[in-house]
């Protein structure tokens, strides 16, 4: 009498392997989308921090040298070794900064960024009241 022993081999079929790869690719794509949004947000925050720090430097310079709003204040008076800012600020997203050539009025920013101006992604503080 013959006994046929049917043994089931352990392993995954081609369809199961393909399904696992497809799920992993989907999860990786979601990860890349999230990282891109995180990078945009961090670039915006860094740019706004540059604007804020430059504003503080301009106000400190104004107070130290008793300048009035509207008087000439060039960027090279603020930036450099042993000055208010060590390095010239650079937008991390590639925007271009525009500087005012005068001490700003209260509520006005000394530095502005043109990156996606007028959109929700603009690199501009929500409010400059009290600046």
N, C-alpha and C. Protein backbone atom coordinates (compact mmCIF):
# COMPACT_ATOMS: atom_id res chain seq x y z
N UNK A 1 0.82 -1.15 0.00
CA UNK A 1 0.00 0.00 0.00
C UNK A 1 0.88 1.24 0.00
N UNK A 2 0.50 2.12 -0.87
CA UNK A 2 1.30 3.33 -1.00
C UNK A 2 0.65 4.43 -0.16
N UNK A 3 1.48 5.14 0.51
CA UNK A 3 1.01 6.29 1.28
C UNK A 3 1.58 7.56 0.64
N UNK A 4 0.68 8.35 0.20
CA UNK A 4 1.12 9.64 -0.36
C UNK A 4 1.12 10.67 0.76
N UNK A 5 2.26 11.11 1.04
CA UNK A 5 2.36 12.16 2.06
C UNK A 5 2.36 13.51 1.36
N UNK A 6 1.34 14.25 1.60
CA UNK A 6 1.26 15.60 1.04
C UNK A 6 1.82 16.56 2.09
N UNK A 7 2.89 17.14 1.79
CA UNK A 7 3.46 18.11 2.71
C UNK A 7 3.32 19.50 2.09
N UNK A 8 2.93 20.38 2.91
CA UNK A 8 2.77 21.76 2.46
C UNK A 8 4.10 22.48 2.66
N UNK A 9 4.58 23.11 1.61
CA UNK A 9 5.84 23.83 1.71
C UNK A 9 5.60 25.19 2.35
N UNK A 10 6.50 25.58 3.20
CA UNK A 10 6.40 26.88 3.84
C UNK A 10 6.94 27.94 2.88
N UNK A 11 6.30 29.10 2.88
CA UNK A 11 6.75 30.18 2.02
C UNK A 11 5.59 31.03 1.56
N UNK A 12 5.90 32.02 0.77
CA UNK A 12 4.89 32.94 0.28
C UNK A 12 4.73 32.76 -1.23
N UNK A 13 3.51 32.94 -1.67
CA UNK A 13 3.28 32.88 -3.11
C UNK A 13 3.68 34.21 -3.73
N UNK A 14 3.75 34.22 -5.04
CA UNK A 14 4.13 35.42 -5.76
C UNK A 14 3.12 36.55 -5.53
N UNK A 15 1.87 36.22 -5.43
CA UNK A 15 0.82 37.24 -5.19
C UNK A 15 0.99 37.84 -3.80
N UNK A 16 1.30 37.03 -2.81
CA UNK A 16 1.50 37.55 -1.44
C UNK A 16 2.71 38.47 -1.37
N UNK A 17 3.78 38.09 -2.02
CA UNK A 17 4.98 38.92 -2.04
C UNK A 17 4.69 40.25 -2.74
N UNK A 18 3.98 40.20 -3.86
CA UNK A 18 3.63 41.42 -4.58
C UNK A 18 2.76 42.33 -3.73
N UNK A 19 1.81 41.74 -3.01
CA UNK A 19 0.94 42.54 -2.13
C UNK A 19 1.73 43.21 -1.01
N UNK A 20 2.66 42.51 -0.42
CA UNK A 20 3.49 43.08 0.65
C UNK A 20 4.32 44.24 0.09
N UNK A 21 4.90 44.07 -1.08
CA UNK A 21 5.70 45.14 -1.69
C UNK A 21 4.82 46.36 -1.99
N UNK A 22 3.61 46.13 -2.50
CA UNK A 22 2.71 47.24 -2.81
C UNK A 22 2.32 48.01 -1.54
N UNK A 23 2.06 47.32 -0.46
CA UNK A 23 1.72 47.99 0.80
C UNK A 23 2.91 48.80 1.31
N UNK A 24 4.10 48.23 1.25
CA UNK A 24 5.29 48.96 1.69
C UNK A 24 5.53 50.20 0.84
N UNK A 25 5.36 50.10 -0.46
CA UNK A 25 5.53 51.27 -1.33
C UNK A 25 4.50 52.35 -1.01
N UNK A 26 3.28 51.94 -0.71
CA UNK A 26 2.25 52.92 -0.32
C UNK A 26 2.62 53.63 0.96
N UNK A 27 3.12 52.91 1.95
CA UNK A 27 3.52 53.53 3.21
C UNK A 27 4.72 54.46 3.02
N UNK A 28 5.66 54.07 2.18
CA UNK A 28 6.82 54.92 1.92
C UNK A 28 6.41 56.21 1.21
N UNK A 29 5.47 56.12 0.28
CA UNK A 29 5.02 57.33 -0.42
C UNK A 29 4.32 58.29 0.54
N UNK A 30 3.55 57.77 1.48
CA UNK A 30 2.91 58.62 2.49
C UNK A 30 3.98 59.29 3.35
N UNK A 31 5.03 58.56 3.67
CA UNK A 31 6.13 59.11 4.46
C UNK A 31 6.80 60.27 3.73
N UNK A 32 7.07 60.11 2.42
CA UNK A 32 7.70 61.18 1.65
C UNK A 32 6.82 62.42 1.56
N UNK A 33 5.52 62.24 1.43
CA UNK A 33 4.60 63.39 1.40
C UNK A 33 4.66 64.13 2.73
N UNK A 34 4.67 63.38 3.82
CA UNK A 34 4.74 64.00 5.15
C UNK A 34 6.04 64.74 5.37
N UNK A 35 7.14 64.17 4.91
CA UNK A 35 8.45 64.81 5.07
C UNK A 35 8.50 66.10 4.27
N UNK A 36 7.92 66.10 3.07
CA UNK A 36 7.90 67.33 2.25
C UNK A 36 7.13 68.44 2.93
N UNK A 37 5.98 68.11 3.52
CA UNK A 37 5.18 69.12 4.22
C UNK A 37 5.93 69.62 5.46
N UNK A 38 6.61 68.73 6.14
CA UNK A 38 7.39 69.12 7.31
C UNK A 38 8.51 70.07 6.92
N UNK A 39 9.19 69.78 5.80
CA UNK A 39 10.29 70.64 5.35
C UNK A 39 9.78 72.03 4.97
N UNK A 40 8.64 72.10 4.30
CA UNK A 40 8.07 73.41 3.95
C UNK A 40 7.75 74.21 5.20
N UNK A 41 7.17 73.55 6.19
CA UNK A 41 6.84 74.23 7.44
C UNK A 41 8.07 74.70 8.19
N UNK A 42 9.10 73.86 8.20
CA UNK A 42 10.32 74.26 8.92
C UNK A 42 11.05 75.39 8.20
N UNK A 43 11.02 75.38 6.85
CA UNK A 43 11.63 76.49 6.09
C UNK A 43 10.90 77.79 6.38
N UNK A 44 9.58 77.74 6.44
CA UNK A 44 8.79 78.94 6.72
C UNK A 44 9.09 79.46 8.13
N UNK A 45 9.15 78.55 9.10
CA UNK A 45 9.45 78.96 10.48
C UNK A 45 10.84 79.57 10.59
N UNK A 46 11.83 78.98 9.91
CA UNK A 46 13.20 79.52 9.94
C UNK A 46 13.26 80.91 9.30
N UNK A 47 12.53 81.09 8.20
CA UNK A 47 12.51 82.38 7.52
C UNK A 47 11.88 83.45 8.42
N UNK A 48 10.78 83.11 9.06
CA UNK A 48 10.12 84.07 9.96
C UNK A 48 11.03 84.37 11.15
N UNK A 49 11.78 83.38 11.62
CA UNK A 49 12.74 83.62 12.69
C UNK A 49 13.84 84.57 12.24
N UNK A 50 14.30 84.43 10.99
CA UNK A 50 15.30 85.37 10.44
C UNK A 50 14.74 86.79 10.41
N UNK A 51 13.48 86.93 9.99
CA UNK A 51 12.84 88.25 9.94
C UNK A 51 12.75 88.84 11.34
N UNK A 52 12.34 88.02 12.30
CA UNK A 52 12.20 88.48 13.69
C UNK A 52 13.55 88.89 14.27
N UNK A 53 14.57 88.07 14.07
CA UNK A 53 15.90 88.39 14.61
C UNK A 53 16.48 89.66 13.99
N UNK A 54 16.25 89.84 12.69
CA UNK A 54 16.73 91.06 12.04
C UNK A 54 15.99 92.27 12.58
N UNK A 55 14.70 92.12 12.84
CA UNK A 55 13.92 93.22 13.42
C UNK A 55 14.45 93.58 14.81
N UNK A 56 14.75 92.57 15.60
CA UNK A 56 15.30 92.83 16.94
C UNK A 56 16.66 93.50 16.85
N UNK A 57 17.46 93.09 15.87
CA UNK A 57 18.77 93.72 15.68
C UNK A 57 18.60 95.18 15.28
N UNK A 58 17.64 95.47 14.41
CA UNK A 58 17.41 96.85 13.98
C UNK A 58 16.94 97.70 15.17
N UNK A 59 16.07 97.15 15.99
CA UNK A 59 15.59 97.91 17.17
C UNK A 59 16.71 98.11 18.18
N UNK A 60 17.54 97.10 18.36
CA UNK A 60 18.66 97.24 19.29
C UNK A 60 19.63 98.31 18.80
N UNK A 61 19.93 98.29 17.51
CA UNK A 61 20.80 99.30 16.93
C UNK A 61 20.20 100.70 17.09
N UNK A 62 18.91 100.78 16.85
CA UNK A 62 18.21 102.06 16.98
C UNK A 62 18.33 102.59 18.41
N UNK A 63 18.15 101.71 19.39
CA UNK A 63 18.22 102.14 20.79
C UNK A 63 19.65 102.47 21.22
N UNK A 64 20.61 101.68 20.76
CA UNK A 64 22.00 101.91 21.17
C UNK A 64 22.55 103.20 20.60
N UNK A 65 22.19 103.52 19.36
CA UNK A 65 22.75 104.69 18.69
C UNK A 65 21.76 105.85 18.60
N UNK A 66 20.68 105.75 19.36
CA UNK A 66 19.67 106.80 19.47
C UNK A 66 19.22 107.32 18.11
N UNK A 67 18.83 106.39 17.25
CA UNK A 67 18.31 106.74 15.93
C UNK A 67 16.79 106.84 16.01
N UNK A 68 16.24 107.71 15.20
CA UNK A 68 14.78 107.85 15.11
C UNK A 68 14.28 107.05 13.91
N UNK A 69 12.99 106.71 13.97
CA UNK A 69 12.38 106.00 12.85
C UNK A 69 12.50 106.86 11.60
N UNK A 70 12.90 106.25 10.51
CA UNK A 70 13.07 106.96 9.25
C UNK A 70 14.50 107.35 8.95
N UNK A 71 15.37 107.35 9.97
CA UNK A 71 16.78 107.66 9.72
C UNK A 71 17.44 106.48 9.00
N UNK A 72 18.51 106.76 8.29
CA UNK A 72 19.18 105.75 7.48
C UNK A 72 19.76 104.65 8.38
N UNK A 73 19.48 103.41 7.97
CA UNK A 73 20.03 102.23 8.64
C UNK A 73 20.32 101.20 7.56
N UNK A 74 21.58 101.08 7.19
CA UNK A 74 21.98 100.14 6.15
C UNK A 74 22.26 98.77 6.76
N UNK A 75 22.09 97.75 5.94
CA UNK A 75 22.27 96.38 6.40
C UNK A 75 23.68 96.14 6.92
N UNK A 76 24.69 96.73 6.28
CA UNK A 76 26.06 96.49 6.72
C UNK A 76 26.36 97.08 8.10
N UNK A 77 25.47 97.94 8.61
CA UNK A 77 25.62 98.44 9.98
C UNK A 77 25.13 97.40 11.00
N UNK A 78 24.29 96.47 10.55
CA UNK A 78 23.74 95.45 11.44
C UNK A 78 24.49 94.12 11.36
N UNK A 79 25.01 93.80 10.18
CA UNK A 79 25.57 92.47 9.94
C UNK A 79 27.07 92.53 9.85
N UNK A 80 27.73 91.59 10.53
CA UNK A 80 29.18 91.48 10.47
C UNK A 80 29.74 91.07 11.81
N UNK A 81 31.03 90.82 11.88
CA UNK A 81 31.65 90.45 13.14
C UNK A 81 31.48 91.56 14.18
N UNK A 82 31.14 91.18 15.38
CA UNK A 82 30.95 92.10 16.50
C UNK A 82 29.84 93.12 16.25
N UNK A 83 28.84 92.73 15.48
CA UNK A 83 27.68 93.58 15.24
C UNK A 83 26.44 92.86 15.75
N UNK A 84 25.28 93.37 15.44
CA UNK A 84 24.03 92.79 15.94
C UNK A 84 23.78 91.38 15.40
N UNK A 85 24.11 91.14 14.14
CA UNK A 85 23.97 89.83 13.50
C UNK A 85 25.32 89.42 12.94
N UNK A 86 25.73 88.19 13.21
CA UNK A 86 27.03 87.73 12.70
C UNK A 86 27.02 87.51 11.20
N UNK A 87 25.92 86.92 10.67
CA UNK A 87 25.85 86.57 9.25
C UNK A 87 24.61 87.19 8.62
N UNK A 88 24.69 87.43 7.33
CA UNK A 88 23.53 87.92 6.60
C UNK A 88 22.49 86.81 6.52
N UNK A 89 21.24 87.09 6.89
CA UNK A 89 20.21 86.05 6.84
C UNK A 89 19.95 85.60 5.41
N UNK A 90 19.65 84.31 5.26
CA UNK A 90 19.34 83.71 3.96
C UNK A 90 18.07 82.89 4.11
N UNK A 91 17.13 83.07 3.19
CA UNK A 91 15.89 82.30 3.22
C UNK A 91 16.20 80.84 2.92
N UNK A 92 15.80 79.90 3.79
CA UNK A 92 16.12 78.50 3.56
C UNK A 92 15.39 77.89 2.36
N UNK A 93 14.29 78.51 1.91
CA UNK A 93 13.52 77.98 0.78
C UNK A 93 13.95 78.60 -0.54
N UNK A 94 14.88 79.53 -0.51
CA UNK A 94 15.36 80.15 -1.75
C UNK A 94 14.71 81.48 -2.06
N UNK A 95 13.93 82.03 -1.14
CA UNK A 95 13.35 83.35 -1.34
C UNK A 95 14.41 84.43 -1.27
N UNK A 96 14.03 85.63 -1.66
CA UNK A 96 14.95 86.76 -1.62
C UNK A 96 14.47 87.76 -0.57
N UNK A 97 15.40 88.19 0.27
CA UNK A 97 15.07 89.17 1.29
C UNK A 97 15.21 90.58 0.74
N UNK A 98 14.30 91.44 1.16
CA UNK A 98 14.37 92.87 0.84
C UNK A 98 14.54 93.62 2.15
N UNK A 99 15.50 94.51 2.18
CA UNK A 99 15.78 95.28 3.37
C UNK A 99 15.35 96.72 3.16
N UNK A 100 14.89 97.32 4.22
CA UNK A 100 14.58 98.74 4.19
C UNK A 100 15.89 99.49 4.42
N UNK A 101 16.03 100.67 3.91
CA UNK A 101 17.26 101.45 4.13
C UNK A 101 17.12 102.44 5.27
N UNK A 102 16.07 102.29 6.05
CA UNK A 102 15.84 103.22 7.14
C UNK A 102 15.34 102.46 8.36
N UNK A 103 15.48 103.08 9.51
CA UNK A 103 14.95 102.49 10.74
C UNK A 103 13.43 102.39 10.57
N UNK A 104 12.86 101.20 10.74
CA UNK A 104 11.43 101.04 10.48
C UNK A 104 10.55 101.71 11.53
N UNK A 105 9.37 102.11 11.10
CA UNK A 105 8.37 102.63 12.02
C UNK A 105 7.88 101.47 12.90
N UNK A 106 7.29 101.78 14.03
CA UNK A 106 6.71 100.74 14.89
C UNK A 106 5.61 100.04 14.11
N UNK A 107 5.65 98.71 14.11
CA UNK A 107 4.67 97.92 13.39
C UNK A 107 5.09 97.54 11.99
N UNK A 108 6.23 98.02 11.53
CA UNK A 108 6.74 97.68 10.20
C UNK A 108 7.97 96.79 10.35
N UNK A 109 8.14 95.87 9.40
CA UNK A 109 9.29 94.98 9.41
C UNK A 109 10.45 95.59 8.62
N UNK A 110 11.66 95.43 9.12
CA UNK A 110 12.86 95.91 8.43
C UNK A 110 13.22 95.00 7.27
N UNK A 111 12.84 93.72 7.37
CA UNK A 111 13.20 92.69 6.41
C UNK A 111 11.94 91.99 5.94
N UNK A 112 11.82 91.75 4.64
CA UNK A 112 10.69 90.98 4.10
C UNK A 112 11.22 89.92 3.14
N UNK A 113 10.45 88.83 3.00
CA UNK A 113 10.82 87.73 2.10
C UNK A 113 9.80 87.66 0.99
N UNK A 114 10.26 87.47 -0.25
CA UNK A 114 9.34 87.41 -1.38
C UNK A 114 8.88 86.00 -1.73
N UNK A 115 9.24 85.01 -0.93
CA UNK A 115 8.88 83.62 -1.25
C UNK A 115 7.37 83.44 -1.20
N UNK A 116 6.77 83.11 -2.34
CA UNK A 116 5.34 82.86 -2.48
C UNK A 116 4.49 83.94 -1.79
N UNK A 117 4.88 85.18 -1.99
CA UNK A 117 4.16 86.30 -1.39
C UNK A 117 2.70 86.29 -1.82
N UNK A 118 1.81 86.54 -0.89
CA UNK A 118 0.38 86.60 -1.18
C UNK A 118 -0.32 85.25 -1.11
N UNK A 119 0.41 84.19 -0.76
CA UNK A 119 -0.21 82.88 -0.63
C UNK A 119 -0.17 82.42 0.82
N UNK A 120 -0.80 81.28 1.08
CA UNK A 120 -0.80 80.73 2.44
C UNK A 120 0.59 80.27 2.86
N UNK A 121 1.46 79.99 1.90
CA UNK A 121 2.83 79.54 2.20
C UNK A 121 3.83 80.68 2.29
N UNK A 122 3.36 81.90 2.27
CA UNK A 122 4.26 83.06 2.28
C UNK A 122 5.08 83.07 3.56
N UNK A 123 6.32 83.51 3.42
CA UNK A 123 7.21 83.62 4.58
C UNK A 123 7.07 85.02 5.17
N UNK A 124 6.01 85.20 5.90
CA UNK A 124 5.75 86.49 6.55
C UNK A 124 5.11 86.22 7.90
N UNK A 125 5.50 86.97 8.90
CA UNK A 125 4.87 86.79 10.22
C UNK A 125 3.38 87.14 10.15
N UNK A 126 2.59 86.50 11.01
CA UNK A 126 1.15 86.77 11.01
C UNK A 126 0.87 88.21 11.40
N UNK A 127 1.68 88.74 12.30
CA UNK A 127 1.45 90.11 12.74
C UNK A 127 2.79 90.77 13.07
N UNK A 128 2.89 92.05 12.74
CA UNK A 128 4.08 92.81 13.13
C UNK A 128 3.70 93.90 14.12
N UNK A 129 2.53 93.79 14.69
CA UNK A 129 2.08 94.80 15.67
C UNK A 129 3.06 94.83 16.84
N UNK A 130 3.46 96.00 17.22
CA UNK A 130 4.38 96.15 18.33
C UNK A 130 5.84 96.06 17.93
N UNK A 131 6.11 95.81 16.67
CA UNK A 131 7.49 95.71 16.22
C UNK A 131 8.05 97.09 16.09
